[in-house]
Amino acid sequence: MLMTRLKNEEGFSMSLPLLLIVAYILALFIIGIVGRLRSRGSSANYSLAGRTLPWPLVSMSIVGLAIGGASTVGVAEQAFRVGLSAGWYNVAWGLGAIVTGLWLAARYRALGITTLTELLDRYFDKKTVMLGVICQVLIQIVIISLQYVAGGSILHALLPEYFSLTTGMLTSAVVFIGITYIGGMWSASLSNILNVALIYVGIAVAVFKQPIGSPAALAAALPSSGPWLDPIAGVGVKGILIWITVMITVNLSLQSIIQIALGAKDGKEARLGFVSGGLLMLPIGFLAAWLGLCAKASAPGVAAASALPTAIIALDPFLAGLTLTALWAADISTACSLLLGASTMISRDIYKRYMKPEASDEAVRRVMEWSVIGTGALTFIMALGVSGILNTLMLGLSLTAGFSVILLSALFRPNLCTKSAGFYTLSAGLLTLLAWQLIPASRLLPHPIYQEWIVCTFVFGLVSWYERKQVPSPLPETP
């Protein structure tokens, strides 16, 4: 039937994107099988690629994690509303990766840990570790769910006769979960070579081939009101600084990001991979924002979340299929890394630490694999109720401020770390975010990330001072 449809122009235009998607999925599963072969053996091979990743794979992994649904579809959605300045989101991501690369990647790699909570366990009590696992998994679940929303939007725009938004999200979930389940970090890292190449080529071609033409033509086609082409005014300096603060905070302390550094060959490879990856991220957001503005000019009545797919389907069938496949690749690259990060913490920090300490390494690996499936199913259910990609993401990521406070203290000022300081700091972060959501009068600053940093730093300092005053103890060794 499909080959019959290819014989006429209309059938060709509707079927070629489907062929590209199918070919891409097959390529991913082949890469996944290769990753499976390389990840055989220990759980460390599955979760950390045996700690053997060279810097190019570290770079591709961090770019693949960063450039996902929020960085493409979400940025275009924001640009549809406020203009070109939405591209600063990816600049913020890149700056976060660069700061982490220059400052922390090598230090984390030198610790020899698998999860961040293993570092917490050296300085804080069991309550801190358990709450840390819950918060880290929760943050990653929020981000994964957003990838399903973006993935469903892309497939629905690309092939509306085959996919509704919901079935597109379901298909995305099956592929995300399947690739991660098959080969762990090796699958995620190797597939990101294909994913990142597709993302950059696809979006660049889409910008170049847009029928709207020059910046002057785009400006003329956009509504007269609004700072559409202003690189700063739409989001504003305040909004840009919020993004930069959030993304630097996230890069310092999110398990799925730091896990990439932990999988590097050594500290030098981790540092170079993060810095080069951060530099690669800088331009892609403005390209996605430009496509969102093209959709605003040509189809102002579409939903903002569909801005990027709308701009792309205006291209010829091959370019449209290639570019939307590339955007779908962005979702896959992000979701795989996040699923792996969450499942690593569930298997090692919950199952191995609290439920079955005597579990063999093979048992831990099996739990990790099943955690990928369980976490993926849960995030799909959550995704059905998500709206507003970037706003939802910024809110969830604010929880990392408490982690950054206690992790930086453990790395650089271990003498300040007391047993309960971590627990009360993370608890204060959770309560601050809940208050921000439920009690509008508590919003004293422009964004919860600022209140999170102030409250968490204050609580950590206060509890640390009180406990050290009550019970003097030997200083922990610097990691």
Protein backbone atom coordinates (compact mmCIF):
# COMPACT_ATOMS: atom_id res chain seq x y z
CA MET A 1 0.00 0.00 0.00
CA LEU A 2 2.78 2.40 0.94
CA MET A 3 4.64 1.79 -2.35
CA THR A 4 1.42 2.41 -4.25
CA ARG A 5 1.04 5.76 -2.55
CA LEU A 6 4.59 6.69 -3.54
CA LYS A 7 3.61 6.64 -7.20
CA ASN A 8 1.77 9.93 -7.08
CA GLU A 9 2.88 13.30 -5.81
CA GLU A 10 0.39 13.56 -2.99
CA GLY A 11 1.19 10.07 -1.74
CA PHE A 12 4.89 10.80 -1.97
CA SER A 13 4.58 13.97 0.10
CA MET A 14 2.74 12.15 2.85
CA SER A 15 4.74 8.90 2.84
CA LEU A 16 8.35 10.05 2.59
CA PRO A 17 8.40 11.48 6.14
CA LEU A 18 7.04 8.17 7.40
CA LEU A 19 9.84 6.30 5.62
CA LEU A 20 12.42 8.64 7.16
CA ILE A 21 10.98 8.11 10.65
CA VAL A 22 10.94 4.33 10.20
CA ALA A 23 14.52 4.32 8.86
CA TYR A 24 15.62 6.46 11.79
CA ILE A 25 13.95 4.18 14.34
CA LEU A 26 15.60 1.14 12.75
CA ALA A 27 18.99 2.89 12.87
CA LEU A 28 18.48 3.69 16.55
CA PHE A 29 17.66 0.12 17.45
CA ILE A 30 20.69 -1.14 15.53
CA ILE A 31 22.82 1.33 17.51
CA GLY A 32 21.05 0.12 20.65
CA ILE A 33 22.05 -3.47 19.90
CA VAL A 34 25.67 -2.37 19.40
CA GLY A 35 25.42 -0.57 22.72
CA ARG A 36 24.00 -3.72 24.30
CA LEU A 37 27.02 -5.71 23.18
CA ARG A 38 29.40 -3.10 24.59
CA SER A 39 27.52 -2.78 27.89
CA ARG A 40 27.53 -6.48 28.73
CA GLY A 41 28.90 -7.44 32.09
CA SER A 42 28.77 -5.14 35.10
CA SER A 43 26.15 -2.57 36.01
CA ALA A 44 28.88 0.08 35.56
CA ASN A 45 29.12 -0.87 31.89
CA TYR A 46 25.40 -0.30 31.58
CA SER A 47 25.14 2.94 33.57
CA LEU A 48 28.57 4.52 32.91
CA ALA A 49 29.83 2.88 29.69
CA GLY A 50 32.57 1.29 31.82
CA ARG A 51 33.98 4.79 32.52
CA THR A 52 35.68 4.75 29.10
CA LEU A 53 33.96 7.57 27.14
CA PRO A 54 36.41 9.79 25.18
CA TRP A 55 35.73 13.53 25.10
CA PRO A 56 33.91 13.52 21.70
CA LEU A 57 31.33 11.08 23.09
CA VAL A 58 31.12 13.09 26.30
CA SER A 59 30.52 16.19 24.15
CA MET A 60 27.85 14.49 22.03
CA SER A 61 26.18 13.14 25.16
CA ILE A 62 25.91 16.50 26.90
CA VAL A 63 24.70 18.20 23.69
CA GLY A 64 22.21 15.39 23.12
CA LEU A 65 20.92 15.72 26.68
CA ALA A 66 20.64 19.50 26.47
CA ILE A 67 19.16 19.89 22.99
CA GLY A 68 15.85 18.19 23.53
CA GLY A 69 12.20 19.12 23.31
CA ALA A 70 12.58 22.20 25.51
CA SER A 71 15.57 23.46 23.51
CA THR A 72 13.83 23.11 20.14
CA VAL A 73 10.04 22.84 20.28
CA GLY A 74 9.91 24.68 23.62
CA VAL A 75 12.13 27.53 22.41
CA ALA A 76 10.07 27.89 19.23
CA GLU A 77 6.91 27.93 21.36
CA GLN A 78 8.37 30.74 23.48
CA ALA A 79 9.55 32.64 20.38
CA PHE A 80 6.03 32.38 18.95
CA ARG A 81 4.88 34.32 22.03
CA VAL A 82 7.74 36.75 22.77
CA GLY A 83 10.23 36.76 19.89
CA LEU A 84 13.80 35.88 19.00
CA SER A 85 15.12 36.34 22.54
CA ALA A 86 13.76 32.87 23.38
CA GLY A 87 17.02 31.58 21.89
CA TRP A 88 18.83 32.59 25.09
CA TYR A 89 17.52 29.41 26.69
CA ASN A 90 20.11 27.35 24.80
CA VAL A 91 22.82 29.90 25.53
CA ALA A 92 22.01 29.42 29.21
CA TRP A 93 22.32 25.65 28.78
CA GLY A 94 25.67 26.05 27.04
CA LEU A 95 27.01 28.37 29.74
CA GLY A 96 25.93 25.86 32.39
CA ALA A 97 27.85 23.06 30.65
CA ILE A 98 30.93 25.26 30.21
CA VAL A 99 30.96 26.33 33.87
CA THR A 100 30.60 22.70 34.98
CA GLY A 101 33.33 21.60 32.59
CA LEU A 102 35.81 24.22 33.74
CA TRP A 103 35.04 23.92 37.43
CA LEU A 104 33.56 20.56 38.41
CA ALA A 105 33.61 17.85 35.71
CA ALA A 106 37.14 16.63 36.48
CA ARG A 107 36.54 16.83 40.23
CA TYR A 108 33.38 14.73 40.00
CA ARG A 109 35.16 12.18 37.77
CA ALA A 110 37.98 11.83 40.29
CA LEU A 111 35.55 10.79 43.06
CA GLY A 112 34.89 7.34 41.55
CA ILE A 113 31.18 7.52 42.40
CA THR A 114 28.22 6.29 40.33
CA THR A 115 25.48 8.53 41.74
CA LEU A 116 25.56 11.92 43.42
CA THR A 117 23.95 10.51 46.52
CA GLU A 118 27.07 8.40 47.08
CA LEU A 119 28.84 11.71 47.67
CA LEU A 120 26.06 12.85 49.99
CA ASP A 121 26.43 9.62 51.95
CA ARG A 122 30.01 10.54 52.83
CA TYR A 123 29.01 13.72 54.65
CA PHE A 124 25.33 13.61 55.55
CA ASP A 125 22.84 11.28 57.24
CA LYS A 126 20.58 8.64 55.68
CA LYS A 127 17.59 11.02 55.64
CA THR A 128 19.56 13.34 53.35
CA VAL A 129 20.43 10.49 51.00
CA MET A 130 16.84 9.24 50.77
CA LEU A 131 15.36 12.71 50.27
CA GLY A 132 18.10 13.42 47.74
CA VAL A 133 17.19 10.37 45.70
CA ILE A 134 13.49 11.29 45.75
CA CYS A 135 14.15 14.87 44.64
CA GLN A 136 16.63 13.91 41.92
CA VAL A 137 14.30 11.30 40.46
CA LEU A 138 11.37 13.74 40.65
CA ILE A 139 13.30 16.44 38.77
CA GLN A 140 14.32 14.03 36.03
CA ILE A 141 10.79 12.67 35.73
CA VAL A 142 9.47 16.20 35.10
CA ILE A 143 11.99 16.75 32.30
CA ILE A 144 11.34 13.35 30.71
CA SER A 145 7.61 14.00 30.60
CA LEU A 146 8.25 17.18 28.63
CA GLN A 147 10.14 15.20 25.99
CA TYR A 148 7.03 13.13 25.37
CA VAL A 149 4.94 16.26 24.85
CA ALA A 150 7.43 17.62 22.33
CA GLY A 151 7.84 14.25 20.62
CA GLY A 152 4.10 13.79 20.26
CA SER A 153 3.74 17.29 18.82
CA ILE A 154 6.42 16.58 16.22
CA LEU A 155 4.99 13.25 15.07
CA HIS A 156 1.47 14.69 14.92
CA ALA A 157 2.63 17.62 12.77
CA LEU A 158 4.74 15.38 10.55
CA LEU A 159 2.21 12.59 10.00
CA PRO A 160 -1.23 13.71 11.16
CA GLU A 161 -2.94 10.84 9.32
CA TYR A 162 -0.99 8.37 11.45
CA PHE A 163 -0.47 10.14 14.77
CA SER A 164 -2.65 12.16 17.08
CA LEU A 165 -0.82 14.08 19.79
CA THR A 166 -1.47 11.24 22.24
CA THR A 167 -0.40 8.39 19.92
CA GLY A 168 2.64 10.44 18.94
CA MET A 169 3.55 10.75 22.62
CA LEU A 170 3.02 7.00 23.08
CA THR A 171 5.24 6.17 20.11
CA SER A 172 7.91 8.52 21.44
CA ALA A 173 7.73 6.84 24.83
CA VAL A 174 8.14 3.36 23.33
CA VAL A 175 11.24 4.39 21.37
CA PHE A 176 12.77 6.39 24.25
CA ILE A 177 12.31 3.53 26.69
CA GLY A 178 13.35 0.82 24.23
CA ILE A 179 16.67 2.43 23.24
CA THR A 180 17.65 3.10 26.85
CA TYR A 181 16.58 -0.35 28.02
CA ILE A 182 18.58 -2.15 25.35
CA GLY A 183 22.02 -0.62 25.79
CA GLY A 184 22.19 1.87 28.66
CA MET A 185 24.78 4.63 28.41
CA TRP A 186 26.53 3.08 25.42
CA SER A 187 23.25 3.23 23.46
CA ALA A 188 22.61 6.80 24.59
CA SER A 189 26.15 7.95 23.76
CA LEU A 190 26.48 6.24 20.38
CA SER A 191 22.99 7.24 19.25
CA ASN A 192 23.79 10.86 20.10
CA ILE A 193 26.35 10.94 17.27
CA LEU A 194 23.46 10.37 14.86
CA ASN A 195 21.03 12.50 16.86
CA VAL A 196 23.23 15.60 17.15
CA ALA A 197 24.20 15.45 13.47
CA LEU A 198 20.53 15.24 12.49
CA ILE A 199 19.53 18.06 14.85
CA TYR A 200 22.08 20.58 13.61
CA VAL A 201 21.81 19.74 9.90
CA GLY A 202 18.02 19.54 10.00
CA ILE A 203 17.41 22.82 11.82
CA ALA A 204 20.05 24.71 9.80
CA VAL A 205 18.52 23.50 6.53
CA ALA A 206 15.03 24.40 7.74
CA VAL A 207 16.13 27.97 8.54
CA PHE A 208 17.89 28.36 5.20
CA LYS A 209 14.93 26.99 3.21
CA GLN A 210 12.14 28.93 4.93
CA PRO A 211 9.90 30.58 2.29
CA ILE A 212 9.53 33.71 4.42
CA GLY A 213 12.88 34.97 3.10
CA SER A 214 15.03 37.71 4.63
CA PRO A 215 14.84 39.23 8.14
CA ALA A 216 13.18 42.30 6.59
CA ALA A 217 10.50 40.13 5.01
CA LEU A 218 9.94 38.31 8.27
CA ALA A 219 9.66 41.59 10.18
CA ALA A 220 7.08 42.83 7.67
CA ALA A 221 5.02 39.66 7.99
CA LEU A 222 4.93 39.63 11.80
CA PRO A 223 2.33 41.55 13.82
CA SER A 224 3.29 45.20 14.22
CA SER A 225 3.28 45.08 18.01
CA GLY A 226 5.91 43.09 19.85
CA PRO A 227 9.72 42.97 20.00
CA TRP A 228 9.82 40.01 17.62
CA LEU A 229 13.35 40.39 16.25
CA ASP A 230 14.91 42.05 19.27
CA PRO A 231 17.51 39.63 20.70
CA ILE A 232 16.78 40.61 24.31
CA ALA A 233 13.55 42.56 24.78
CA GLY A 234 10.99 39.73 24.54
CA VAL A 235 12.31 37.59 27.37
CA GLY A 236 14.09 40.56 28.93
CA VAL A 237 17.31 40.82 30.89
CA LYS A 238 15.56 39.56 34.02
CA GLY A 239 14.24 36.47 32.24
CA ILE A 240 17.59 35.73 30.59
CA LEU A 241 19.39 35.96 33.93
CA ILE A 242 16.83 33.57 35.43
CA TRP A 243 17.53 31.04 32.67
CA ILE A 244 21.29 31.35 33.12
CA THR A 245 20.99 30.96 36.90
CA VAL A 246 18.73 27.92 36.58
CA MET A 247 20.85 26.17 33.96
CA ILE A 248 24.15 26.71 35.74
CA THR A 249 22.51 25.39 38.92
CA VAL A 250 21.16 22.34 37.08
CA ASN A 251 24.49 21.53 35.43
CA LEU A 252 26.22 21.60 38.82
CA SER A 253 23.97 19.04 40.46
CA LEU A 254 21.62 16.97 38.23
CA GLN A 255 22.41 13.24 38.21
CA SER A 256 21.84 12.64 34.49
CA ILE A 257 24.26 15.46 33.59
CA ILE A 258 26.97 14.56 36.10
CA GLN A 259 26.62 10.88 35.13
CA ILE A 260 28.06 11.78 31.72
CA ALA A 261 31.18 13.19 33.41
CA LEU A 262 31.39 10.07 35.59
CA GLY A 263 31.47 7.93 32.44
CA ALA A 264 34.46 9.76 30.92
CA LYS A 265 37.89 8.14 30.63
CA ASP A 266 39.37 10.65 33.05
CA GLY A 267 38.98 14.19 34.34
CA LYS A 268 40.63 15.78 31.32
CA GLU A 269 38.24 14.03 28.90
CA ALA A 270 35.27 15.03 31.07
CA ARG A 271 36.35 18.68 31.15
CA LEU A 272 37.02 18.91 27.41
CA GLY A 273 33.77 17.15 26.57
CA PHE A 274 31.63 19.48 28.68
CA VAL A 275 33.30 22.67 27.44
CA SER A 276 33.15 21.69 23.75
CA GLY A 277 29.56 20.54 24.17
CA GLY A 278 28.60 23.83 25.80
CA LEU A 279 30.11 25.79 22.92
CA LEU A 280 28.17 23.69 20.38
CA MET A 281 24.89 24.53 22.13
CA LEU A 282 25.17 28.31 21.86
CA PRO A 283 23.70 28.95 18.37
CA ILE A 284 20.98 26.31 18.08
CA GLY A 285 18.42 28.11 20.25
CA PHE A 286 18.29 31.20 18.03
CA LEU A 287 17.78 28.99 14.98
CA ALA A 288 14.84 27.28 16.67
CA ALA A 289 13.49 30.68 17.75
CA TRP A 290 13.75 31.93 14.15
CA LEU A 291 11.61 29.01 12.98
CA GLY A 292 9.06 29.82 15.69
CA LEU A 293 8.83 33.36 14.31
CA CYS A 294 8.39 32.00 10.78
CA ALA A 295 5.40 30.04 12.06
CA LYS A 296 4.07 33.19 13.75
CA ALA A 297 4.27 35.05 10.45
CA SER A 298 2.81 32.34 8.23
CA ALA A 299 0.27 30.68 10.55
CA PRO A 300 -0.50 32.97 13.50
CA GLY A 301 -3.56 30.94 14.47
CA VAL A 302 -1.76 27.69 15.32
CA ALA A 303 -1.12 26.62 18.88
CA ALA A 304 2.19 27.97 20.19
CA ALA A 305 3.39 24.44 21.07
CA SER A 306 3.05 23.53 17.37
CA ALA A 307 5.06 26.52 16.13
CA LEU A 308 8.22 24.66 15.18
CA PRO A 309 6.54 21.71 13.44
CA THR A 310 4.30 24.18 11.61
CA ALA A 311 7.28 26.10 10.24
CA ILE A 312 8.93 22.93 9.06
CA ILE A 313 6.03 21.25 7.27
CA ALA A 314 6.01 24.25 4.92
CA LEU A 315 9.20 22.81 3.38
CA ASP A 316 9.30 20.22 0.60
CA PRO A 317 8.52 16.65 1.75
CA PHE A 318 12.13 15.44 2.03
CA LEU A 319 13.38 18.47 3.96
CA ALA A 320 10.29 18.49 6.17
CA GLY A 321 10.72 14.81 6.96
CA LEU A 322 14.45 15.20 7.59
CA THR A 323 14.05 18.21 9.86
CA LEU A 324 11.18 16.87 11.92
CA THR A 325 13.02 13.59 12.27
CA ALA A 326 15.93 15.66 13.58
CA LEU A 327 13.67 17.33 16.15
CA TRP A 328 12.37 13.97 17.22
CA ALA A 329 16.01 12.91 17.56
CA ALA A 330 16.49 15.80 19.99
CA ASP A 331 13.77 14.39 22.22
CA ILE A 332 15.22 10.90 22.06
CA SER A 333 18.72 12.05 22.96
CA THR A 334 17.47 13.93 26.02
CA ALA A 335 14.98 11.35 27.25
CA CYS A 336 17.45 8.44 27.04
CA SER A 337 20.02 10.18 29.24
CA LEU A 338 17.38 11.22 31.77
CA LEU A 339 15.80 7.77 31.93
CA LEU A 340 19.23 6.28 32.52
CA GLY A 341 20.03 8.79 35.26
CA ALA A 342 16.77 8.16 37.09
CA SER A 343 17.01 4.36 36.80
CA THR A 344 20.62 4.37 38.03
CA MET A 345 19.56 6.16 41.21
CA ILE A 346 16.54 3.90 41.73
CA SER A 347 18.61 0.72 41.36
CA ARG A 348 21.67 1.78 43.36
CA ASP A 349 20.37 4.33 45.85
CA ILE A 350 17.00 2.78 46.68
CA TYR A 351 17.14 -0.95 45.82
CA LYS A 352 20.79 -1.68 46.62
CA ARG A 353 21.15 0.73 49.55
CA TYR A 354 17.85 0.27 51.39
CA MET A 355 15.93 -2.71 50.04
CA LYS A 356 18.56 -5.40 49.36
CA PRO A 357 22.12 -4.45 50.34
CA GLU A 358 23.35 -7.98 49.56
CA ALA A 359 22.11 -7.83 45.94
CA SER A 360 24.61 -8.94 43.31
CA ASP A 361 25.85 -6.60 40.60
CA GLU A 362 23.80 -8.55 38.05
CA ALA A 363 20.67 -8.06 40.15
CA VAL A 364 21.35 -4.32 40.35
CA ARG A 365 21.67 -4.20 36.58
CA ARG A 366 18.34 -6.03 36.13
CA VAL A 367 16.61 -3.59 38.49
CA MET A 368 18.17 -0.74 36.54
CA GLU A 369 16.75 -2.09 33.29
CA TRP A 370 13.27 -2.57 34.75
CA SER A 371 13.46 0.89 36.31
CA VAL A 372 13.88 2.32 32.81
CA ILE A 373 10.55 0.75 31.85
CA GLY A 374 8.75 1.77 35.05
CA THR A 375 10.04 5.35 35.00
CA GLY A 376 9.20 5.66 31.32
CA ALA A 377 5.61 4.50 31.91
CA LEU A 378 5.15 6.89 34.83
CA THR A 379 6.49 9.87 32.90
CA PHE A 380 4.21 9.12 29.96
CA ILE A 381 1.19 9.29 32.24
CA MET A 382 2.45 12.60 33.66
CA ALA A 383 3.04 13.97 30.17
CA LEU A 384 -0.65 13.70 29.33
CA GLY A 385 -1.33 16.62 31.69
CA VAL A 386 1.63 18.88 30.86
CA SER A 387 1.31 22.26 29.16
CA GLY A 388 3.80 25.09 28.64
CA ILE A 389 7.13 23.34 28.09
CA LEU A 390 9.64 25.97 29.19
CA ASN A 391 7.66 27.30 32.14
CA THR A 392 7.06 23.79 33.51
CA LEU A 393 10.73 22.92 33.02
CA MET A 394 12.04 26.04 34.77
CA LEU A 395 9.83 25.34 37.77
CA GLY A 396 10.94 21.73 38.14
CA LEU A 397 14.61 22.53 37.68
CA SER A 398 14.51 25.06 40.52
CA LEU A 399 14.66 22.14 42.95
CA THR A 400 18.32 21.63 42.04
CA ALA A 401 19.36 24.71 44.03
CA GLY A 402 19.33 22.77 47.31
CA PHE A 403 21.45 20.04 45.73
CA SER A 404 23.95 22.56 44.44
CA VAL A 405 24.34 24.08 47.91
CA ILE A 406 25.11 20.78 49.66
CA LEU A 407 27.18 19.25 46.83
CA LEU A 408 29.37 22.34 46.47
CA SER A 409 29.84 22.36 50.23
CA ALA A 410 30.88 18.69 50.16
CA LEU A 411 33.33 19.32 47.33
CA PHE A 412 34.90 22.58 48.48
CA ARG A 413 34.08 23.13 52.19
CA PRO A 414 33.61 19.67 53.71
CA ASN A 415 34.36 21.09 57.16
CA LEU A 416 30.95 22.81 57.02
CA CYS A 417 29.05 19.57 56.34
CA THR A 418 27.17 18.17 59.31
CA LYS A 419 24.91 15.14 59.39
CA SER A 420 21.54 16.93 59.28
CA ALA A 421 22.48 19.99 57.24
CA GLY A 422 21.79 18.27 53.93
CA PHE A 423 18.34 17.00 54.94
CA TYR A 424 17.14 20.35 56.23
CA THR A 425 18.55 22.15 53.18
CA LEU A 426 16.73 19.87 50.71
CA SER A 427 13.56 20.06 52.82
CA ALA A 428 13.75 23.86 52.79
CA GLY A 429 14.09 23.76 49.00
CA LEU A 430 10.98 21.62 48.65
CA LEU A 431 8.95 23.80 51.01
CA THR A 432 10.09 26.97 49.23
CA LEU A 433 8.90 25.63 45.88
CA LEU A 434 5.59 24.46 47.34
CA ALA A 435 5.03 27.84 48.94
CA TRP A 436 5.84 29.56 45.65
CA GLN A 437 3.15 27.48 43.92
CA LEU A 438 0.47 27.60 46.59
CA ILE A 439 0.97 30.96 48.35
CA PRO A 440 1.40 33.85 45.89
CA ALA A 441 2.30 36.22 48.73
CA SER A 442 5.48 34.20 49.32
CA ARG A 443 6.89 35.21 45.92
CA LEU A 444 9.35 37.83 47.07
CA LEU A 445 11.74 37.51 44.10
CA PRO A 446 11.22 37.28 40.30
CA HIS A 447 11.69 33.50 40.13
CA PRO A 448 11.77 30.60 42.63
CA ILE A 449 15.40 29.79 41.72
CA TYR A 450 16.57 32.92 43.54
CA GLN A 451 14.51 32.17 46.63
CA GLU A 452 15.70 28.56 46.52
CA TRP A 453 19.37 29.66 46.55
CA ILE A 454 18.87 32.17 49.38
CA VAL A 455 16.72 29.93 51.57
CA CYS A 456 18.82 26.80 51.03
CA THR A 457 22.12 28.59 51.64
CA PHE A 458 20.75 30.19 54.81
CA VAL A 459 19.31 26.92 56.14
CA PHE A 460 22.50 25.00 55.38
CA GLY A 461 24.63 27.60 57.14
CA LEU A 462 22.32 27.82 60.15
CA VAL A 463 22.04 24.04 60.70
CA SER A 464 25.77 23.55 60.09
CA TRP A 465 26.65 26.27 62.60
CA TYR A 466 24.26 24.91 65.22
CA GLU A 467 25.38 21.27 64.92
CA ARG A 468 29.07 22.10 64.87
CA LYS A 469 28.57 24.27 67.94
CA GLN A 470 26.74 21.48 69.79
CA VAL A 471 28.94 18.51 68.87
CA PRO A 472 32.45 19.30 67.58
CA SER A 473 33.65 16.56 65.26
CA PRO A 474 36.77 15.80 63.19
CA LEU A 475 36.84 17.39 59.76
CA PRO A 476 35.96 15.04 56.88
CA GLU A 477 38.63 14.50 54.30
CA THR A 478 38.39 16.57 51.12
CA PRO A 479 37.34 14.29 48.22
